[in-house]
Amino acid sequence: MQIKLWGVRGSIPTPIHTFEYRQRLVHALEAGRERWAADPSLSSKTIVDELPDITGHLIGGETTCVEVLSGDGKDQLILDLGTGARRLGYDMMARGIKGDVYILLTHTYWDHIQGWPFFVPGFLPTNHIHFYSSFENARERFQRQQDPAHFPVEFEQMLSKREFHMLEPGRPTSINGFTVRTARLAHDGASLAYRLERDGKAFGFATDTEYSHENFQERVNSDREIFEGLDLLVMDARGASDPASAAAGRPQTSVALAIACAREWNVEHLVLVDHDPRGSDGELLVLPARSDADSSSGGPRVEVGREGAEFSL
């Protein structure tokens, strides 16, 4: 399998702020001046490639969207339709992907579906979009998002054929050549976790998991079947609780608990996503330093998910 992250932020899209952008420019110019003083023959590209993460790379500001391809690149699944789905749609057009498109939804909070009205494949009459979820009223939920009071194009005005399929948690099914297993998470019991299997590899995806110190061991044991022994797990983790979630009494899985979960489930590689919109790139990029210690003690390899990151299993 090939996995690509098209959106990694939670709650709301988070463009880089001008202040942070200017800081990066200053760091880049200073680094370039030092390197060219030592070797004037270096190209600008070489200088940029050598920049540290905090200067040379972005976490990204788009909300949750993940693409999964078969090893030969012929079969595709899409997980969630946050704003990252917009760029994914453009890329699919460039690659000539058309016909049947398969979308797996964890839940329908805005940050997981708000990219749909900007997803170009959804406007093509030759495309057949398959939505999979645990919601009997999933079509209605998409229609409400595009009510004329909020958006100029209604759901039914989009020209693709759209079909909604129900997934029964706990029952494996085959979708476009992948074995798909699901489990309900604590997010009002409505959010689904996914386990995708193909050619002996296993990939897991879970957001809005709501693990806390109080429910940790119980939840780890109850969710073990869906997550045990994954080659790669893409999972939400936040450094601090969002005020809205705290007010609603919903815990948010911390980085430390996400790592502890992955260790309990014998996950090989953990990628953290659903980043707090309040977190700058600089704040998020310190997380791998915390993870190195866990890896040295036998835990999973851990990294911060970035827009555009790709993984091969």
Protein backbone atom coordinates (compact mmCIF):
# COMPACT_ATOMS: atom_id res chain seq x y z
CA MET A 1 0.00 0.00 0.00
CA GLN A 2 0.96 3.61 -0.57
CA ILE A 3 -0.44 6.21 1.83
CA LYS A 4 -0.37 9.99 1.31
CA LEU A 5 -1.51 12.66 3.75
CA TRP A 6 -3.42 15.48 2.02
CA GLY A 7 -4.62 17.18 5.22
CA VAL A 8 -3.37 16.85 8.80
CA ARG A 9 -5.00 19.66 10.80
CA GLY A 10 -7.99 19.30 13.08
CA SER A 11 -10.99 21.55 13.71
CA ILE A 12 -10.31 24.29 11.14
CA PRO A 13 -7.86 25.03 8.29
CA THR A 14 -4.73 26.72 9.62
CA PRO A 15 -2.68 28.80 7.13
CA ILE A 16 0.81 29.81 8.22
CA HIS A 17 0.85 33.24 9.89
CA THR A 18 2.87 36.11 8.36
CA PHE A 19 4.98 36.39 11.52
CA GLU A 20 6.03 32.73 11.30
CA TYR A 21 6.61 33.04 7.56
CA ARG A 22 8.93 36.02 8.05
CA GLN A 23 10.82 34.17 10.77
CA ARG A 24 11.46 31.36 8.31
CA LEU A 25 12.69 33.81 5.69
CA VAL A 26 15.18 35.30 8.15
CA HIS A 27 16.48 31.84 9.11
CA ALA A 28 16.77 30.81 5.47
CA LEU A 29 18.66 33.96 4.48
CA GLU A 30 21.06 33.60 7.40
CA ALA A 31 21.68 29.94 6.57
CA GLY A 32 22.24 30.79 2.91
CA ARG A 33 24.70 33.57 3.73
CA GLU A 34 26.79 31.22 5.87
CA ARG A 35 26.82 28.40 3.32
CA TRP A 36 27.65 30.64 0.35
CA ALA A 37 30.46 32.29 2.31
CA ALA A 38 31.99 28.82 2.70
CA ASP A 39 31.20 27.66 -0.84
CA PRO A 40 29.97 30.24 -3.41
CA SER A 41 29.34 27.49 -5.99
CA LEU A 42 26.38 26.00 -4.09
CA SER A 43 23.04 26.26 -5.87
CA SER A 44 19.96 27.81 -4.26
CA LYS A 45 18.26 24.39 -4.37
CA THR A 46 21.11 22.81 -2.42
CA ILE A 47 20.85 25.51 0.23
CA VAL A 48 17.08 25.01 0.53
CA ASP A 49 17.42 21.22 0.69
CA GLU A 50 19.86 21.58 3.60
CA LEU A 51 17.57 23.81 5.67
CA PRO A 52 16.39 22.34 8.99
CA ASP A 53 12.79 21.19 9.32
CA ILE A 54 11.63 24.27 11.19
CA THR A 55 12.69 26.44 8.24
CA GLY A 56 12.45 24.24 5.16
CA HIS A 57 9.22 22.30 5.68
CA LEU A 58 5.60 23.00 6.57
CA ILE A 59 3.22 20.89 8.65
CA GLY A 60 0.42 22.17 6.42
CA GLY A 61 -2.88 23.85 7.12
CA GLU A 62 -5.47 21.62 5.42
CA THR A 63 -7.88 19.48 7.45
CA THR A 64 -8.07 15.71 7.42
CA CYS A 65 -7.83 13.76 4.17
CA VAL A 66 -5.78 10.64 3.44
CA GLU A 67 -5.29 8.74 0.18
CA VAL A 68 -4.50 5.02 0.07
CA LEU A 69 -3.32 3.30 -3.12
CA SER A 70 -2.57 -0.32 -3.86
CA GLY A 71 1.09 -1.15 -4.40
CA ASP A 72 0.70 -0.88 -8.17
CA GLY A 73 -1.16 2.42 -7.81
CA LYS A 74 -4.25 1.17 -9.63
CA ASP A 75 -6.75 0.91 -6.76
CA GLN A 76 -7.59 3.84 -4.50
CA LEU A 77 -9.42 4.57 -1.27
CA ILE A 78 -9.92 8.02 0.27
CA LEU A 79 -10.27 8.50 4.02
CA ASP A 80 -12.26 11.61 5.01
CA LEU A 81 -12.87 14.76 3.01
CA GLY A 82 -11.40 17.67 4.94
CA THR A 83 -10.04 20.63 2.99
CA GLY A 84 -7.12 18.47 1.88
CA ALA A 85 -9.58 16.83 -0.52
CA ARG A 86 -9.47 19.93 -2.74
CA ARG A 87 -5.83 19.43 -3.74
CA LEU A 88 -6.33 15.68 -3.89
CA GLY A 89 -9.14 16.23 -6.40
CA TYR A 90 -6.90 18.35 -8.61
CA ASP A 91 -4.19 15.72 -8.41
CA MET A 92 -6.61 12.93 -9.33
CA MET A 93 -7.63 14.90 -12.42
CA ALA A 94 -3.97 15.26 -13.42
CA ARG A 95 -3.43 11.51 -12.94
CA GLY A 96 -6.54 10.66 -14.95
CA ILE A 97 -8.31 8.90 -12.06
CA LYS A 98 -11.98 8.69 -12.95
CA GLY A 99 -14.97 6.39 -12.84
CA ASP A 100 -15.61 4.81 -9.43
CA VAL A 101 -14.22 6.72 -6.44
CA TYR A 102 -14.37 5.16 -2.96
CA ILE A 103 -14.55 7.38 0.14
CA LEU A 104 -14.46 6.06 3.72
CA LEU A 105 -15.76 8.46 6.37
CA THR A 106 -14.79 8.38 10.04
CA HIS A 107 -17.52 10.91 10.94
CA THR A 108 -19.07 14.06 9.54
CA TYR A 109 -17.73 16.93 11.61
CA TRP A 110 -16.87 19.83 9.32
CA ASP A 111 -13.12 19.29 9.42
CA HIS A 112 -13.72 15.83 7.95
CA ILE A 113 -16.15 16.72 5.15
CA GLN A 114 -15.69 20.44 4.36
CA GLY A 115 -13.48 19.71 1.35
CA TRP A 116 -16.24 17.84 -0.49
CA PRO A 117 -17.85 20.89 -2.17
CA PHE A 118 -14.41 21.71 -3.65
CA PHE A 119 -13.58 18.14 -4.71
CA VAL A 120 -13.53 18.39 -8.53
CA PRO A 121 -14.21 14.66 -9.22
CA GLY A 122 -17.56 15.15 -7.48
CA PHE A 123 -18.69 17.47 -10.27
CA LEU A 124 -18.00 15.13 -13.21
CA PRO A 125 -21.04 13.24 -14.55
CA THR A 126 -18.84 10.30 -15.61
CA ASN A 127 -17.77 9.66 -12.01
CA HIS A 128 -19.53 7.39 -9.53
CA ILE A 129 -18.70 8.42 -5.95
CA HIS A 130 -19.20 5.74 -3.28
CA PHE A 131 -19.48 7.02 0.31
CA TYR A 132 -19.00 4.51 3.16
CA SER A 133 -19.93 5.34 6.75
CA SER A 134 -21.94 4.14 9.74
CA PHE A 135 -24.63 6.82 9.27
CA GLU A 136 -28.01 5.98 7.83
CA ASN A 137 -28.57 9.68 7.08
CA ALA A 138 -25.15 10.38 5.56
CA ARG A 139 -26.64 11.86 2.37
CA GLU A 140 -28.75 14.25 4.45
CA ARG A 141 -25.66 15.35 6.37
CA PHE A 142 -23.90 16.28 3.13
CA GLN A 143 -27.01 18.05 1.87
CA ARG A 144 -27.17 20.16 5.04
CA GLN A 145 -23.55 21.24 4.60
CA GLN A 146 -24.47 22.65 1.19
CA ASP A 147 -27.72 24.32 2.16
CA PRO A 148 -28.16 27.50 0.03
CA ALA A 149 -27.90 29.58 3.20
CA HIS A 150 -24.30 28.44 3.56
CA PHE A 151 -23.02 27.44 0.11
CA PRO A 152 -23.91 28.45 -3.48
CA VAL A 153 -23.92 24.92 -4.95
CA GLU A 154 -26.32 22.38 -3.48
CA PHE A 155 -25.31 18.77 -3.02
CA GLU A 156 -27.80 17.53 -5.61
CA GLN A 157 -26.48 20.02 -8.18
CA MET A 158 -23.13 18.26 -8.31
CA LEU A 159 -23.15 16.12 -11.44
CA SER A 160 -21.44 12.92 -10.33
CA LYS A 161 -23.47 9.88 -9.42
CA ARG A 162 -23.37 9.51 -5.63
CA GLU A 163 -24.16 6.38 -3.67
CA PHE A 164 -24.11 5.87 0.08
CA HIS A 165 -23.19 2.55 1.70
CA MET A 166 -23.55 1.49 5.32
CA LEU A 167 -20.66 -0.16 7.14
CA GLU A 168 -21.36 -2.47 10.04
CA PRO A 169 -18.61 -2.06 12.65
CA GLY A 170 -16.82 -5.30 13.34
CA ARG A 171 -17.74 -6.93 10.04
CA PRO A 172 -14.94 -7.04 7.44
CA THR A 173 -15.79 -6.13 3.87
CA SER A 174 -13.95 -5.81 0.57
CA ILE A 175 -13.82 -2.37 -1.07
CA ASN A 176 -11.92 -1.86 -4.32
CA GLY A 177 -9.51 -4.70 -3.58
CA PHE A 178 -8.83 -3.78 0.06
CA THR A 179 -10.08 -5.67 3.09
CA VAL A 180 -11.72 -3.04 5.30
CA ARG A 181 -12.42 -3.55 9.00
CA THR A 182 -14.05 -0.94 11.23
CA ALA A 183 -14.69 -0.30 14.91
CA ARG A 184 -16.67 2.37 16.72
CA LEU A 185 -14.67 4.81 18.82
CA ALA A 186 -15.80 6.69 21.91
CA HIS A 187 -16.67 9.81 19.90
CA ASP A 188 -20.40 9.48 20.74
CA GLY A 189 -19.98 5.95 19.40
CA ALA A 190 -20.29 7.41 15.91
CA SER A 191 -16.70 7.88 14.76
CA LEU A 192 -15.21 4.87 12.99
CA ALA A 193 -11.65 3.60 13.11
CA TYR A 194 -10.43 1.82 10.00
CA ARG A 195 -8.06 -1.08 9.42
CA LEU A 196 -7.12 -1.61 5.75
CA GLU A 197 -5.35 -4.78 4.71
CA ARG A 198 -3.80 -5.75 1.40
CA ASP A 199 -0.96 -8.04 0.31
CA GLY A 200 -0.02 -8.90 3.88
CA LYS A 201 0.21 -5.28 5.07
CA ALA A 202 -2.08 -3.49 7.53
CA PHE A 203 -2.79 0.25 7.79
CA GLY A 204 -4.91 1.89 10.50
CA PHE A 205 -6.62 5.27 10.61
CA ALA A 206 -8.29 6.81 13.67
CA THR A 207 -9.21 10.38 14.57
CA ASP A 208 -11.21 11.94 17.40
CA THR A 209 -10.33 8.90 19.49
CA GLU A 210 -10.79 10.57 22.90
CA TYR A 211 -8.42 8.42 24.95
CA SER A 212 -7.85 9.69 28.48
CA HIS A 213 -5.86 8.51 31.50
CA GLU A 214 -9.14 7.45 33.12
CA ASN A 215 -10.31 5.23 30.26
CA PHE A 216 -6.93 4.25 28.84
CA GLN A 217 -6.59 0.57 29.76
CA GLU A 218 -10.22 -0.24 29.10
CA ARG A 219 -10.15 1.46 25.72
CA VAL A 220 -6.80 -0.02 24.72
CA ASN A 221 -8.12 -3.51 25.36
CA SER A 222 -11.49 -2.97 23.68
CA ASP A 223 -9.86 -1.48 20.55
CA ARG A 224 -7.02 -3.98 20.35
CA GLU A 225 -8.54 -6.09 17.58
CA ILE A 226 -8.73 -3.20 15.11
CA PHE A 227 -5.24 -1.84 15.84
CA GLU A 228 -3.10 -4.83 16.86
CA GLY A 229 0.11 -5.31 14.87
CA LEU A 230 -0.39 -2.51 12.33
CA ASP A 231 2.47 -1.66 10.00
CA LEU A 232 1.33 1.98 10.07
CA LEU A 233 -1.18 3.83 12.25
CA VAL A 234 -2.26 7.39 11.46
CA MET A 235 -3.87 8.68 14.65
CA ASP A 236 -4.97 11.94 16.23
CA ALA A 237 -2.96 13.46 19.06
CA ARG A 238 -2.93 16.94 20.58
CA GLY A 239 -0.66 18.66 23.01
CA ALA A 240 -3.52 20.48 24.75
CA SER A 241 -7.28 20.30 24.96
CA ASP A 242 -9.31 22.47 22.62
CA PRO A 243 -11.58 24.81 24.64
CA ALA A 244 -14.71 23.76 22.74
CA SER A 245 -14.01 20.07 23.35
CA ALA A 246 -13.24 20.71 26.99
CA ALA A 247 -16.50 22.62 27.39
CA ALA A 248 -18.37 19.68 25.86
CA GLY A 249 -16.66 17.25 28.26
CA ARG A 250 -14.75 15.48 25.50
CA PRO A 251 -11.14 14.53 26.21
CA GLN A 252 -8.62 14.77 23.39
CA THR A 253 -5.94 12.13 23.02
CA SER A 254 -2.56 13.48 24.09
CA VAL A 255 0.69 12.73 22.30
CA ALA A 256 1.88 10.62 25.22
CA LEU A 257 -1.31 8.54 25.24
CA ALA A 258 -1.22 8.03 21.46
CA ILE A 259 2.33 6.68 21.77
CA ALA A 260 1.30 4.50 24.71
CA CYS A 261 -1.61 3.11 22.68
CA ALA A 262 0.65 2.27 19.75
CA ARG A 263 3.10 0.50 22.05
CA GLU A 264 0.31 -1.56 23.63
CA TRP A 265 -0.92 -2.60 20.17
CA ASN A 266 2.56 -3.42 18.83
CA VAL A 267 2.27 -0.85 16.05
CA GLU A 268 5.43 -0.50 13.99
CA HIS A 269 5.04 3.11 12.83
CA LEU A 270 2.83 5.83 14.34
CA VAL A 271 2.06 9.09 12.53
CA LEU A 272 0.36 11.84 14.55
CA VAL A 273 -2.31 13.99 12.85
CA ASP A 274 -5.41 16.11 13.59
CA HIS A 275 -3.06 18.84 14.81
CA ASP A 276 -4.35 21.56 17.10
CA PRO A 277 -5.09 24.72 15.04
CA ARG A 278 -3.44 26.74 17.81
CA GLY A 279 -0.15 24.89 17.36
CA SER A 280 2.54 26.52 15.22
CA ASP A 281 4.83 24.40 13.08
CA GLY A 282 7.62 25.09 15.52
CA GLU A 283 5.58 23.77 18.43
CA LEU A 284 4.49 20.67 16.54
CA LEU A 285 7.94 19.83 15.19
CA VAL A 286 9.36 19.31 18.70
CA LEU A 287 7.16 16.22 19.10
CA PRO A 288 9.59 13.81 17.36
CA ALA A 289 12.20 14.62 20.02
CA ARG A 290 9.78 13.28 22.63
CA SER A 291 9.20 10.22 20.50
CA ASP A 292 12.84 9.23 20.03
CA ALA A 293 13.11 8.19 23.67
CA ASP A 294 10.07 5.97 23.28
CA SER A 295 11.48 4.33 20.15
CA SER A 296 14.78 3.56 21.89
CA SER A 297 12.89 1.68 24.59
CA GLY A 298 11.14 -0.61 22.12
CA GLY A 299 8.15 1.53 21.21
CA PRO A 300 6.93 2.39 17.73
CA ARG A 301 8.68 4.74 15.35
CA VAL A 302 6.81 8.03 15.76
CA GLU A 303 6.61 11.14 13.62
CA VAL A 304 4.46 14.20 13.14
CA GLY A 305 2.20 13.93 10.13
CA ARG A 306 2.78 16.56 7.46
CA GLU A 307 0.79 17.54 4.43
CA GLY A 308 2.18 15.68 1.43
CA ALA A 309 3.97 13.00 3.46
CA GLU A 310 3.98 9.59 1.77
CA PHE A 311 4.45 6.11 3.23
CA SER A 312 4.99 2.79 1.48
CA LEU A 313 4.10 -0.52 3.14
